[in-house]
Amino acid sequence: MSGRTRDLAERTALFAGTVRAFVRRLPRTISNIEDVKQVVRASGSVAANCIEADEAFGDKDRVMKFRICRKEAKECQLWLRLLHTGNDEELEKERSALTQEAHELKLIFSSIVKKLE
């Protein structure tokens, strides 16, 4: 695994872990229960597919893994937006930071896909 790939794999794993810590503190509403499941899956998929891209079977497979990363990062943005924070300012700040990180990851993966194609 190259240095940059390892850094990106670490960054995406950290993102997935931070999402999990964030959602544990959210109010337990019916909508949050369902949306939390989605954001946890999507954030984990970003990290998992980033790791899998390094072990890809070829260039086409690598591009596809990074496209999945980009798609899942976009989904994270949506699910984070839909979560109810109970108007807790601290949770709102955390959600904003996570949404920004999902956006930055999306841009990184877009750039990687563009370079590989």
PDB file of N, CA and C in Angstrom:
ATOM      1  N   MET A   1       0.856  -1.167   0.000  1.00  0.00           N
ATOM      2  CA  MET A   1       0.000   0.000   0.000  1.00  0.00           C
ATOM      3  C   MET A   1       0.904   1.232   0.000  1.00  0.00           C
ATOM      4  N   SER A   2       0.696   2.141  -0.936  1.00  0.00           N
ATOM      5  CA  SER A   2       1.514   3.345  -0.989  1.00  0.00           C
ATOM      6  C   SER A   2       1.178   4.262   0.175  1.00  0.00           C
ATOM      7  N   GLY A   3       2.052   5.232   0.419  1.00  0.00           N
ATOM      8  CA  GLY A   3       1.848   6.153   1.537  1.00  0.00           C
ATOM      9  C   GLY A   3       0.545   6.919   1.441  1.00  0.00           C
ATOM     10  N   ARG A   4       0.258   7.429   0.248  1.00  0.00           N
ATOM     11  CA  ARG A   4      -0.988   8.196   0.075  1.00  0.00           C
ATOM     12  C   ARG A   4      -2.217   7.314   0.259  1.00  0.00           C
ATOM     13  N   THR A   5      -2.153   6.102  -0.300  1.00  0.00           N
ATOM     14  CA  THR A   5      -3.281   5.184  -0.158  1.00  0.00           C
ATOM     15  C   THR A   5      -3.483   4.813   1.306  1.00  0.00           C
ATOM     16  N   ARG A   6      -2.377   4.593   2.010  1.00  0.00           N
ATOM     17  CA  ARG A   6      -2.475   4.256   3.431  1.00  0.00           C
ATOM     18  C   ARG A   6      -3.071   5.434   4.210  1.00  0.00           C
ATOM     19  N   ASP A   7      -2.647   6.650   3.892  1.00  0.00           N
ATOM     20  CA  ASP A   7      -3.202   7.835   4.547  1.00  0.00           C
ATOM     21  C   ASP A   7      -4.696   7.973   4.278  1.00  0.00           C
ATOM     22  N   LEU A   8      -5.098   7.720   3.031  1.00  0.00           N
ATOM     23  CA  LEU A   8      -6.507   7.816   2.678  1.00  0.00           C
ATOM     24  C   LEU A   8      -7.309   6.701   3.344  1.00  0.00           C
ATOM     25  N   ALA A   9      -6.741   5.518   3.407  1.00  0.00           N
ATOM     26  CA  ALA A   9      -7.416   4.410   4.091  1.00  0.00           C
ATOM     27  C   ALA A   9      -7.589   4.745   5.569  1.00  0.00           C
ATOM     28  N   GLU A  10      -6.581   5.329   6.183  1.00  0.00           N
ATOM     29  CA  GLU A  10      -6.669   5.732   7.583  1.00  0.00           C
ATOM     30  C   GLU A  10      -7.700   6.845   7.769  1.00  0.00           C
ATOM     31  N   ARG A  11      -7.701   7.795   6.855  1.00  0.00           N
ATOM     32  CA  ARG A  11      -8.654   8.908   6.945  1.00  0.00           C
ATOM     33  C   ARG A  11     -10.088   8.417   6.825  1.00  0.00           C
ATOM     34  N   THR A  12     -10.335   7.482   5.900  1.00  0.00           N
ATOM     35  CA  THR A  12     -11.700   6.976   5.744  1.00  0.00           C
ATOM     36  C   THR A  12     -12.115   6.113   6.930  1.00  0.00           C
ATOM     37  N   ALA A  13     -11.179   5.357   7.493  1.00  0.00           N
ATOM     38  CA  ALA A  13     -11.492   4.558   8.689  1.00  0.00           C
ATOM     39  C   ALA A  13     -11.796   5.475   9.873  1.00  0.00           C
ATOM     40  N   LEU A  14     -11.039   6.548   9.995  1.00  0.00           N
ATOM     41  CA  LEU A  14     -11.287   7.526  11.054  1.00  0.00           C
ATOM     42  C   LEU A  14     -12.658   8.176  10.873  1.00  0.00           C
ATOM     43  N   PHE A  15     -13.010   8.484   9.633  1.00  0.00           N
ATOM     44  CA  PHE A  15     -14.320   9.053   9.332  1.00  0.00           C
ATOM     45  C   PHE A  15     -15.436   8.098   9.772  1.00  0.00           C
ATOM     46  N   ALA A  16     -15.299   6.827   9.404  1.00  0.00           N
ATOM     47  CA  ALA A  16     -16.314   5.835   9.777  1.00  0.00           C
ATOM     48  C   ALA A  16     -16.419   5.710  11.296  1.00  0.00           C
ATOM     49  N   GLY A  17     -15.299   5.720  11.980  1.00  0.00           N
ATOM     50  CA  GLY A  17     -15.313   5.641  13.442  1.00  0.00           C
ATOM     51  C   GLY A  17     -15.934   6.865  14.083  1.00  0.00           C
ATOM     52  N   THR A  18     -15.648   8.026  13.535  1.00  0.00           N
ATOM     53  CA  THR A  18     -16.202   9.271  14.067  1.00  0.00           C
ATOM     54  C   THR A  18     -17.711   9.323  13.852  1.00  0.00           C
ATOM     55  N   VAL A  19     -18.165   8.830  12.706  1.00  0.00           N
ATOM     56  CA  VAL A  19     -19.613   8.750  12.449  1.00  0.00           C
ATOM     57  C   VAL A  19     -20.265   7.875  13.514  1.00  0.00           C
ATOM     58  N   ARG A  20     -19.659   6.749  13.825  1.00  0.00           N
ATOM     59  CA  ARG A  20     -20.228   5.840  14.828  1.00  0.00           C
ATOM     60  C   ARG A  20     -20.285   6.485  16.211  1.00  0.00           C
ATOM     61  N   ALA A  21     -19.255   7.213  16.578  1.00  0.00           N
ATOM     62  CA  ALA A  21     -19.259   7.903  17.873  1.00  0.00           C
ATOM     63  C   ALA A  21     -20.338   8.983  17.898  1.00  0.00           C
ATOM     64  N   PHE A  22     -20.507   9.676  16.791  1.00  0.00           N
ATOM     65  CA  PHE A  22     -21.517  10.737  16.684  1.00  0.00           C
ATOM     66  C   PHE A  22     -22.927  10.180  16.835  1.00  0.00           C
ATOM     67  N   VAL A  23     -23.237   9.113  16.101  1.00  0.00           N
ATOM     68  CA  VAL A  23     -24.619   8.616  16.107  1.00  0.00           C
ATOM     69  C   VAL A  23     -25.020   8.018  17.453  1.00  0.00           C
ATOM     70  N   ARG A  24     -24.047   7.578  18.236  1.00  0.00           N
ATOM     71  CA  ARG A  24     -24.382   7.039  19.561  1.00  0.00           C
ATOM     72  C   ARG A  24     -24.956   8.121  20.479  1.00  0.00           C
ATOM     73  N   ARG A  25     -24.684   9.369  20.173  1.00  0.00           N
ATOM     74  CA  ARG A  25     -25.139  10.476  21.028  1.00  0.00           C
ATOM     75  C   ARG A  25     -26.431  11.130  20.539  1.00  0.00           C
ATOM     76  N   LEU A  26     -26.966  10.674  19.426  1.00  0.00           N
ATOM     77  CA  LEU A  26     -28.170  11.277  18.860  1.00  0.00           C
ATOM     78  C   LEU A  26     -29.428  10.846  19.609  1.00  0.00           C
ATOM     79  N   PRO A  27     -30.472  11.695  19.558  1.00  0.00           N
ATOM     80  CA  PRO A  27     -31.770  11.287  20.137  1.00  0.00           C
ATOM     81  C   PRO A  27     -32.294  10.045  19.411  1.00  0.00           C
ATOM     82  N   ARG A  28     -32.931   9.173  20.151  1.00  0.00           N
ATOM     83  CA  ARG A  28     -33.465   7.945  19.570  1.00  0.00           C
ATOM     84  C   ARG A  28     -34.898   8.187  19.089  1.00  0.00           C
ATOM     85  N   THR A  29     -35.001   8.644  17.863  1.00  0.00           N
ATOM     86  CA  THR A  29     -36.309   8.818  17.234  1.00  0.00           C
ATOM     87  C   THR A  29     -36.464   7.730  16.176  1.00  0.00           C
ATOM     88  N   ILE A  30     -37.684   7.524  15.732  1.00  0.00           N
ATOM     89  CA  ILE A  30     -37.930   6.498  14.715  1.00  0.00           C
ATOM     90  C   ILE A  30     -37.126   6.801  13.458  1.00  0.00           C
ATOM     91  N   SER A  31     -37.127   8.045  13.022  1.00  0.00           N
ATOM     92  CA  SER A  31     -36.388   8.382  11.800  1.00  0.00           C
ATOM     93  C   SER A  31     -34.880   8.249  12.013  1.00  0.00           C
ATOM     94  N   ASN A  32     -34.392   8.664  13.168  1.00  0.00           N
ATOM     95  CA  ASN A  32     -32.953   8.538  13.430  1.00  0.00           C
ATOM     96  C   ASN A  32     -32.504   7.083  13.440  1.00  0.00           C
ATOM     97  N   ILE A  33     -33.333   6.218  13.995  1.00  0.00           N
ATOM     98  CA  ILE A  33     -32.965   4.802  14.042  1.00  0.00           C
ATOM     99  C   ILE A  33     -32.699   4.287  12.635  1.00  0.00           C
ATOM    100  N   GLU A  34     -33.565   4.625  11.696  1.00  0.00           N
ATOM    101  CA  GLU A  34     -33.402   4.167  10.311  1.00  0.00           C
ATOM    102  C   GLU A  34     -32.267   4.897   9.604  1.00  0.00           C
ATOM    103  N   ASP A  35     -32.183   6.204   9.783  1.00  0.00           N
ATOM    104  CA  ASP A  35     -31.141   6.985   9.105  1.00  0.00           C
ATOM    105  C   ASP A  35     -29.747   6.671   9.651  1.00  0.00           C
ATOM    106  N   VAL A  36     -29.653   6.367  10.929  1.00  0.00           N
ATOM    107  CA  VAL A  36     -28.372   5.989  11.527  1.00  0.00           C
ATOM    108  C   VAL A  36     -27.851   4.713  10.869  1.00  0.00           C
ATOM    109  N   LYS A  37     -28.741   3.750  10.653  1.00  0.00           N
ATOM    110  CA  LYS A  37     -28.327   2.513   9.985  1.00  0.00           C
ATOM    111  C   LYS A  37     -27.699   2.822   8.628  1.00  0.00           C
ATOM    112  N   GLN A  38     -28.324   3.737   7.904  1.00  0.00           N
ATOM    113  CA  GLN A  38     -27.841   4.072   6.563  1.00  0.00           C
ATOM    114  C   GLN A  38     -26.486   4.783   6.606  1.00  0.00           C
ATOM    115  N   VAL A  39     -26.335   5.759   7.491  1.00  0.00           N
ATOM    116  CA  VAL A  39     -25.077   6.516   7.529  1.00  0.00           C
ATOM    117  C   VAL A  39     -23.933   5.648   8.050  1.00  0.00           C
ATOM    118  N   VAL A  40     -24.230   4.746   8.958  1.00  0.00           N
ATOM    119  CA  VAL A  40     -23.195   3.835   9.453  1.00  0.00           C
ATOM    120  C   VAL A  40     -22.739   2.914   8.316  1.00  0.00           C
ATOM    121  N   ARG A  41     -23.690   2.365   7.564  1.00  0.00           N
ATOM    122  CA  ARG A  41     -23.327   1.499   6.438  1.00  0.00           C
ATOM    123  C   ARG A  41     -22.530   2.254   5.384  1.00  0.00           C
ATOM    124  N   ALA A  42     -23.002   3.443   5.023  1.00  0.00           N
ATOM    125  CA  ALA A  42     -22.338   4.213   3.966  1.00  0.00           C
ATOM    126  C   ALA A  42     -20.924   4.620   4.377  1.00  0.00           C
ATOM    127  N   SER A  43     -20.759   5.074   5.620  1.00  0.00           N
ATOM    128  CA  SER A  43     -19.425   5.504   6.063  1.00  0.00           C
ATOM    129  C   SER A  43     -18.461   4.316   6.117  1.00  0.00           C
ATOM    130  N   GLY A  44     -18.945   3.181   6.550  1.00  0.00           N
ATOM    131  CA  GLY A  44     -18.114   1.983   6.562  1.00  0.00           C
ATOM    132  C   GLY A  44     -17.768   1.519   5.158  1.00  0.00           C
ATOM    133  N   SER A  45     -18.700   1.699   4.236  1.00  0.00           N
ATOM    134  CA  SER A  45     -18.458   1.312   2.850  1.00  0.00           C
ATOM    135  C   SER A  45     -17.392   2.187   2.210  1.00  0.00           C
ATOM    136  N   VAL A  46     -17.365   3.465   2.556  1.00  0.00           N
ATOM    137  CA  VAL A  46     -16.312   4.347   2.047  1.00  0.00           C
ATOM    138  C   VAL A  46     -14.951   3.773   2.441  1.00  0.00           C
ATOM    139  N   ALA A  47     -14.801   3.445   3.711  1.00  0.00           N
ATOM    140  CA  ALA A  47     -13.526   2.930   4.215  1.00  0.00           C
ATOM    141  C   ALA A  47     -13.191   1.562   3.612  1.00  0.00           C
ATOM    142  N   ALA A  48     -14.160   0.680   3.570  1.00  0.00           N
ATOM    143  CA  ALA A  48     -13.911  -0.671   3.056  1.00  0.00           C
ATOM    144  C   ALA A  48     -13.533  -0.655   1.578  1.00  0.00           C
ATOM    145  N   ASN A  49     -14.233   0.127   0.798  1.00  0.00           N
ATOM    146  CA  ASN A  49     -13.934   0.169  -0.634  1.00  0.00           C
ATOM    147  C   ASN A  49     -12.617   0.870  -0.923  1.00  0.00           C
ATOM    148  N   CYS A  50     -12.226   1.800  -0.062  1.00  0.00           N
ATOM    149  CA  CYS A  50     -10.922   2.439  -0.201  1.00  0.00           C
ATOM    150  C   CYS A  50      -9.814   1.399  -0.016  1.00  0.00           C
ATOM    151  N   ILE A  51      -9.965   0.557   0.974  1.00  0.00           N
ATOM    152  CA  ILE A  51      -8.994  -0.514   1.210  1.00  0.00           C
ATOM    153  C   ILE A  51      -9.010  -1.506   0.041  1.00  0.00           C
ATOM    154  N   GLU A  52     -10.211  -1.862  -0.420  1.00  0.00           N
ATOM    155  CA  GLU A  52     -10.334  -2.816  -1.520  1.00  0.00           C
ATOM    156  C   GLU A  52      -9.738  -2.274  -2.814  1.00  0.00           C
ATOM    157  N   ALA A  53      -9.774  -0.960  -3.017  1.00  0.00           N
ATOM    158  CA  ALA A  53      -9.214  -0.371  -4.233  1.00  0.00           C
ATOM    159  C   ALA A  53      -7.724  -0.655  -4.336  1.00  0.00           C
ATOM    160  N   ASP A  54      -7.063  -0.723  -3.193  1.00  0.00           N
ATOM    161  CA  ASP A  54      -5.633  -1.004  -3.200  1.00  0.00           C
ATOM    162  C   ASP A  54      -5.347  -2.452  -3.594  1.00  0.00           C
ATOM    163  N   GLU A  55      -6.309  -3.320  -3.371  1.00  0.00           N
ATOM    164  CA  GLU A  55      -6.150  -4.740  -3.703  1.00  0.00           C
ATOM    165  C   GLU A  55      -6.931  -5.110  -4.961  1.00  0.00           C
ATOM    166  N   ALA A  56      -7.237  -4.126  -5.785  1.00  0.00           N
ATOM    167  CA  ALA A  56      -8.069  -4.344  -6.970  1.00  0.00           C
ATOM    168  C   ALA A  56      -7.413  -5.323  -7.943  1.00  0.00           C
ATOM    169  N   PHE A  57      -8.249  -5.979  -8.745  1.00  0.00           N
ATOM    170  CA  PHE A  57      -7.781  -6.962  -9.715  1.00  0.00           C
ATOM    171  C   PHE A  57      -7.162  -6.313 -10.949  1.00  0.00           C
ATOM    172  N   GLY A  58      -7.420  -5.049 -11.131  1.00  0.00           N
ATOM    173  CA  GLY A  58      -6.884  -4.323 -12.282  1.00  0.00           C
ATOM    174  C   GLY A  58      -7.352  -2.891 -12.238  1.00  0.00           C
ATOM    175  N   ASP A  59      -6.995  -2.139 -13.272  1.00  0.00           N
ATOM    176  CA  ASP A  59      -7.331  -0.724 -13.299  1.00  0.00           C
ATOM    177  C   ASP A  59      -8.840  -0.477 -13.305  1.00  0.00           C
ATOM    178  N   LYS A  60      -9.577  -1.271 -14.080  1.00  0.00           N
ATOM    179  CA  LYS A  60     -11.034  -1.085 -14.132  1.00  0.00           C
ATOM    180  C   LYS A  60     -11.670  -1.353 -12.773  1.00  0.00           C
ATOM    181  N   ASP A  61     -11.210  -2.392 -12.113  1.00  0.00           N
ATOM    182  CA  ASP A  61     -11.730  -2.719 -10.786  1.00  0.00           C
ATOM    183  C   ASP A  61     -11.385  -1.609  -9.792  1.00  0.00           C
ATOM    184  N   ARG A  62     -10.169  -1.081  -9.877  1.00  0.00           N
ATOM    185  CA  ARG A  62      -9.729   0.000  -8.993  1.00  0.00           C
ATOM    186  C   ARG A  62     -10.616   1.245  -9.178  1.00  0.00           C
ATOM    187  N   VAL A  63     -10.857   1.593 -10.430  1.00  0.00           N
ATOM    188  CA  VAL A  63     -11.720   2.748 -10.722  1.00  0.00           C
ATOM    189  C   VAL A  63     -13.110   2.514 -10.143  1.00  0.00           C
ATOM    190  N   MET A  64     -13.631   1.296 -10.319  1.00  0.00           N
ATOM    191  CA  MET A  64     -14.976   0.998  -9.804  1.00  0.00           C
ATOM    192  C   MET A  64     -15.030   1.125  -8.282  1.00  0.00           C
ATOM    193  N   LYS A  65     -14.002   0.649  -7.598  1.00  0.00           N
ATOM    194  CA  LYS A  65     -13.974   0.752  -6.125  1.00  0.00           C
ATOM    195  C   LYS A  65     -13.969   2.215  -5.694  1.00  0.00           C
ATOM    196  N   PHE A  66     -13.172   3.035  -6.380  1.00  0.00           N
ATOM    197  CA  PHE A  66     -13.126   4.452  -6.031  1.00  0.00           C
ATOM    198  C   PHE A  66     -14.439   5.160  -6.391  1.00  0.00           C
ATOM    199  N   ARG A  67     -15.099   4.709  -7.449  1.00  0.00           N
ATOM    200  CA  ARG A  67     -16.423   5.265  -7.770  1.00  0.00           C
ATOM    201  C   ARG A  67     -17.418   4.933  -6.659  1.00  0.00           C
ATOM    202  N   ILE A  68     -17.329   3.723  -6.146  1.00  0.00           N
ATOM    203  CA  ILE A  68     -18.212   3.337  -5.039  1.00  0.00           C
ATOM    204  C   ILE A  68     -17.909   4.201  -3.823  1.00  0.00           C
ATOM    205  N   CYS A  69     -16.633   4.442  -3.545  1.00  0.00           N
ATOM    206  CA  CYS A  69     -16.256   5.330  -2.435  1.00  0.00           C
ATOM    207  C   CYS A  69     -16.916   6.695  -2.596  1.00  0.00           C
ATOM    208  N   ARG A  70     -16.832   7.232  -3.816  1.00  0.00           N
ATOM    209  CA  ARG A  70     -17.417   8.549  -4.094  1.00  0.00           C
ATOM    210  C   ARG A  70     -18.931   8.527  -3.885  1.00  0.00           C
ATOM    211  N   LYS A  71     -19.583   7.491  -4.388  1.00  0.00           N
ATOM    212  CA  LYS A  71     -21.041   7.366  -4.241  1.00  0.00           C
ATOM    213  C   LYS A  71     -21.439   7.273  -2.772  1.00  0.00           C
ATOM    214  N   GLU A  72     -20.714   6.468  -2.013  1.00  0.00           N
ATOM    215  CA  GLU A  72     -21.038   6.296  -0.596  1.00  0.00           C
ATOM    216  C   GLU A  72     -20.766   7.578   0.197  1.00  0.00           C
ATOM    217  N   ALA A  73     -19.736   8.325  -0.177  1.00  0.00           N
ATOM    218  CA  ALA A  73     -19.471   9.609   0.489  1.00  0.00           C
ATOM    219  C   ALA A  73     -20.620  10.586   0.234  1.00  0.00           C
ATOM    220  N   LYS A  74     -21.147  10.574  -0.999  1.00  0.00           N
ATOM    221  CA  LYS A  74     -22.310  11.408  -1.312  1.00  0.00           C
ATOM    222  C   LYS A  74     -23.508  11.000  -0.456  1.00  0.00           C
ATOM    223  N   GLU A  75     -23.701   9.689  -0.317  1.00  0.00           N
ATOM    224  CA  GLU A  75     -24.810   9.203   0.507  1.00  0.00           C
ATOM    225  C   GLU A  75     -24.637   9.633   1.963  1.00  0.00           C
ATOM    226  N   CYS A  76     -23.419   9.591   2.452  1.00  0.00           N
ATOM    227  CA  CYS A  76     -23.164  10.034   3.834  1.00  0.00           C
ATOM    228  C   CYS A  76     -23.641  11.461   4.033  1.00  0.00           C
ATOM    229  N   GLN A  77     -23.383  12.308   3.036  1.00  0.00           N
ATOM    230  CA  GLN A  77     -23.821  13.700   3.139  1.00  0.00           C
ATOM    231  C   GLN A  77     -25.339  13.770   3.322  1.00  0.00           C
ATOM    232  N   LEU A  78     -26.062  12.988   2.557  1.00  0.00           N
ATOM    233  CA  LEU A  78     -27.527  12.998   2.671  1.00  0.00           C
ATOM    234  C   LEU A  78     -27.978  12.494   4.032  1.00  0.00           C
ATOM    235  N   TRP A  79     -27.479  11.329   4.450  1.00  0.00           N
ATOM    236  CA  TRP A  79     -27.944  10.742   5.713  1.00  0.00           C
ATOM    237  C   TRP A  79     -27.588  11.637   6.896  1.00  0.00           C
ATOM    238  N   LEU A  80     -26.419  12.245   6.852  1.00  0.00           N
ATOM    239  CA  LEU A  80     -26.050  13.170   7.933  1.00  0.00           C
ATOM    240  C   LEU A  80     -27.005  14.359   7.975  1.00  0.00           C
ATOM    241  N   ARG A  81     -27.370  14.840   6.810  1.00  0.00           N
ATOM    242  CA  ARG A  81     -28.301  15.975   6.726  1.00  0.00           C
ATOM    243  C   ARG A  81     -29.666  15.637   7.329  1.00  0.00           C
ATOM    244  N   LEU A  82     -30.100  14.394   7.148  1.00  0.00           N
ATOM    245  CA  LEU A  82     -31.431  13.995   7.603  1.00  0.00           C
ATOM    246  C   LEU A  82     -31.507  13.672   9.097  1.00  0.00           C
ATOM    247  N   LEU A  83     -30.376  13.445   9.731  1.00  0.00           N
ATOM    248  CA  LEU A  83     -30.397  13.078  11.148  1.00  0.00           C
ATOM    249  C   LEU A  83     -30.891  14.224  12.022  1.00  0.00           C
ATOM    250  N   HIS A  84     -31.688  13.865  13.022  1.00  0.00           N
ATOM    251  CA  HIS A  84     -32.238  14.846  13.970  1.00  0.00           C
ATOM    252  C   HIS A  84     -31.311  14.950  15.176  1.00  0.00           C
ATOM    253  N   THR A  85     -30.840  16.161  15.453  1.00  0.00           N
ATOM    254  CA  THR A  85     -29.902  16.359  16.558  1.00  0.00           C
ATOM    255  C   THR A  85     -30.581  16.870  17.828  1.00  0.00           C
ATOM    256  N   GLY A  86     -31.878  17.082  17.764  1.00  0.00           N
ATOM    257  CA  GLY A  86     -32.566  17.601  18.940  1.00  0.00           C
ATOM    258  C   GLY A  86     -32.161  19.042  19.243  1.00  0.00           C
ATOM    259  N   ASN A  87     -31.721  19.766  18.221  1.00  0.00           N
ATOM    260  CA  ASN A  87     -31.281  21.158  18.354  1.00  0.00           C
ATOM    261  C   ASN A  87     -30.123  21.327  19.336  1.00  0.00           C
ATOM    262  N   ASP A  88     -29.329  20.292  19.492  1.00  0.00           N
ATOM    263  CA  ASP A  88     -28.141  20.333  20.343  1.00  0.00           C
ATOM    264  C   ASP A  88     -27.008  20.990  19.539  1.00  0.00           C
ATOM    265  N   GLU A  89     -26.513  22.122  20.018  1.00  0.00           N
ATOM    266  CA  GLU A  89     -25.502  22.879  19.272  1.00  0.00           C
ATOM    267  C   GLU A  89     -24.222  22.080  19.054  1.00  0.00           C
ATOM    268  N   GLU A  90     -23.800  21.331  20.045  1.00  0.00           N
ATOM    269  CA  GLU A  90     -22.586  20.528  19.913  1.00  0.00           C
ATOM    270  C   GLU A  90     -22.754  19.445  18.845  1.00  0.00           C
ATOM    271  N   LEU A  91     -23.913  18.786  18.848  1.00  0.00           N
ATOM    272  CA  LEU A  91     -24.180  17.774  17.833  1.00  0.00           C
ATOM    273  C   LEU A  91     -24.280  18.404  16.443  1.00  0.00           C
ATOM    274  N   GLU A  92     -24.835  19.595  16.374  1.00  0.00           N
ATOM    275  CA  GLU A  92     -24.918  20.304  15.088  1.00  0.00           C
ATOM    276  C   GLU A  92     -23.526  20.605  14.545  1.00  0.00           C
ATOM    277  N   LYS A  93     -22.614  21.013  15.417  1.00  0.00           N
ATOM    278  CA  LYS A  93     -21.234  21.289  14.998  1.00  0.00           C
ATOM    279  C   LYS A  93     -20.565  20.009  14.505  1.00  0.00           C
ATOM    280  N   GLU A  94     -20.778  18.926  15.225  1.00  0.00           N
ATOM    281  CA  GLU A  94     -20.197  17.645  14.821  1.00  0.00           C
ATOM    282  C   GLU A  94     -20.763  17.186  13.485  1.00  0.00           C
ATOM    283  N   ARG A  95     -22.070  17.351  13.317  1.00  0.00           N
ATOM    284  CA  ARG A  95     -22.690  16.957  12.051  1.00  0.00           C
ATOM    285  C   ARG A  95     -22.120  17.788  10.905  1.00  0.00           C
ATOM    286  N   SER A  96     -21.947  19.066  11.137  1.00  0.00           N
ATOM    287  CA  SER A  96     -21.384  19.941  10.114  1.00  0.00           C
ATOM    288  C   SER A  96     -19.967  19.510   9.736  1.00  0.00           C
ATOM    289  N   ALA A  97     -19.154  19.172  10.740  1.00  0.00           N
ATOM    290  CA  ALA A  97     -17.779  18.727  10.478  1.00  0.00           C
ATOM    291  C   ALA A  97     -17.773  17.404   9.710  1.00  0.00           C
ATOM    292  N   LEU A  98     -18.663  16.495  10.075  1.00  0.00           N
ATOM    293  CA  LEU A  98     -18.744  15.206   9.379  1.00  0.00           C
ATOM    294  C   LEU A  98     -19.235  15.381   7.940  1.00  0.00           C
ATOM    295  N   THR A  99     -20.187  16.271   7.761  1.00  0.00           N
ATOM    296  CA  THR A  99     -20.690  16.545   6.419  1.00  0.00           C
ATOM    297  C   THR A  99     -19.581  17.137   5.556  1.00  0.00           C
ATOM    298  N   GLN A 100     -18.790  18.031   6.137  1.00  0.00           N
ATOM    299  CA  GLN A 100     -17.661  18.618   5.412  1.00  0.00           C
ATOM    300  C   GLN A 100     -16.633  17.544   5.048  1.00  0.00           C
ATOM    301  N   GLU A 101     -16.356  16.649   5.970  1.00  0.00           N
ATOM    302  CA  GLU A 101     -15.403  15.573   5.688  1.00  0.00           C
ATOM    303  C   GLU A 101     -15.933  14.665   4.582  1.00  0.00           C
ATOM    304  N   ALA A 102     -17.217  14.350   4.604  1.00  0.00           N
ATOM    305  CA  ALA A 102     -17.804  13.527   3.548  1.00  0.00           C
ATOM    306  C   ALA A 102     -17.671  14.241   2.200  1.00  0.00           C
ATOM    307  N   HIS A 103     -17.880  15.548   2.201  1.00  0.00           N
ATOM    308  CA  HIS A 103     -17.740  16.340   0.975  1.00  0.00           C
ATOM    309  C   HIS A 103     -16.290  16.300   0.467  1.00  0.00           C
ATOM    310  N   GLU A 104     -15.343  16.488   1.370  1.00  0.00           N
ATOM    311  CA  GLU A 104     -13.930  16.464   0.976  1.00  0.00           C
ATOM    312  C   GLU A 104     -13.528  15.089   0.447  1.00  0.00           C
ATOM    313  N   LEU A 105     -14.009  14.037   1.093  1.00  0.00           N
ATOM    314  CA  LEU A 105     -13.715  12.689   0.603  1.00  0.00           C
ATOM    315  C   LEU A 105     -14.302  12.480  -0.787  1.00  0.00           C
ATOM    316  N   LYS A 106     -15.506  12.970  -0.988  1.00  0.00           N
ATOM    317  CA  LYS A 106     -16.137  12.872  -2.303  1.00  0.00           C
ATOM    318  C   LYS A 106     -15.274  13.556  -3.363  1.00  0.00           C
ATOM    319  N   LEU A 107     -14.753  14.731  -3.050  1.00  0.00           N
ATOM    320  CA  LEU A 107     -13.904  15.450  -3.995  1.00  0.00           C
ATOM    321  C   LEU A 107     -12.595  14.701  -4.262  1.00  0.00           C
ATOM    322  N   ILE A 108     -12.020  14.131  -3.224  1.00  0.00           N
ATOM    323  CA  ILE A 108     -10.785  13.347  -3.379  1.00  0.00           C
ATOM    324  C   ILE A 108     -11.035  12.156  -4.296  1.00  0.00           C
ATOM    325  N   PHE A 109     -12.107  11.429  -4.047  1.00  0.00           N
ATOM    326  CA  PHE A 109     -12.402  10.257  -4.873  1.00  0.00           C
ATOM    327  C   PHE A 109     -12.746  10.650  -6.305  1.00  0.00           C
ATOM    328  N   SER A 110     -13.399  11.793  -6.481  1.00  0.00           N
ATOM    329  CA  SER A 110     -13.685  12.282  -7.836  1.00  0.00           C
ATOM    330  C   SER A 110     -12.382  12.546  -8.590  1.00  0.00           C
ATOM    331  N   SER A 111     -11.435  13.155  -7.885  1.00  0.00           N
ATOM    332  CA  SER A 111     -10.134  13.449  -8.492  1.00  0.00           C
ATOM    333  C   SER A 111      -9.389  12.167  -8.847  1.00  0.00           C
ATOM    334  N   ILE A 112      -9.416  11.190  -7.959  1.00  0.00           N
ATOM    335  CA  ILE A 112      -8.747   9.917  -8.222  1.00  0.00           C
ATOM    336  C   ILE A 112      -9.367   9.223  -9.438  1.00  0.00           C
ATOM    337  N   VAL A 113     -10.685   9.186  -9.474  1.00  0.00           N
ATOM    338  CA  VAL A 113     -11.367   8.538 -10.605  1.00  0.00           C
ATOM    339  C   VAL A 113     -11.003   9.244 -11.914  1.00  0.00           C
ATOM    340  N   LYS A 114     -11.005  10.549 -11.893  1.00  0.00           N
ATOM    341  CA  LYS A 114     -10.680  11.312 -13.089  1.00  0.00           C
ATOM    342  C   LYS A 114      -9.257  11.002 -13.579  1.00  0.00           C
ATOM    343  N   LYS A 115      -8.317  10.902 -12.641  1.00  0.00           N
ATOM    344  CA  LYS A 115      -6.930  10.607 -13.006  1.00  0.00           C
ATOM    345  C   LYS A 115      -6.756   9.184 -13.524  1.00  0.00           C
ATOM    346  N   LEU A 116      -7.523   8.250 -13.001  1.00  0.00           N
ATOM    347  CA  LEU A 116      -7.381   6.849 -13.389  1.00  0.00           C
ATOM    348  C   LEU A 116      -8.072   6.520 -14.712  1.00  0.00           C
ATOM    349  N   GLU A 117      -9.052   7.327 -15.079  1.00  0.00           N
ATOM    350  CA  GLU A 117      -9.799   7.034 -16.317  1.00  0.00           C
ATOM    351  C   GLU A 117      -9.062   7.480 -17.547  1.00  0.00           C
TER     352      GLU A 117
END
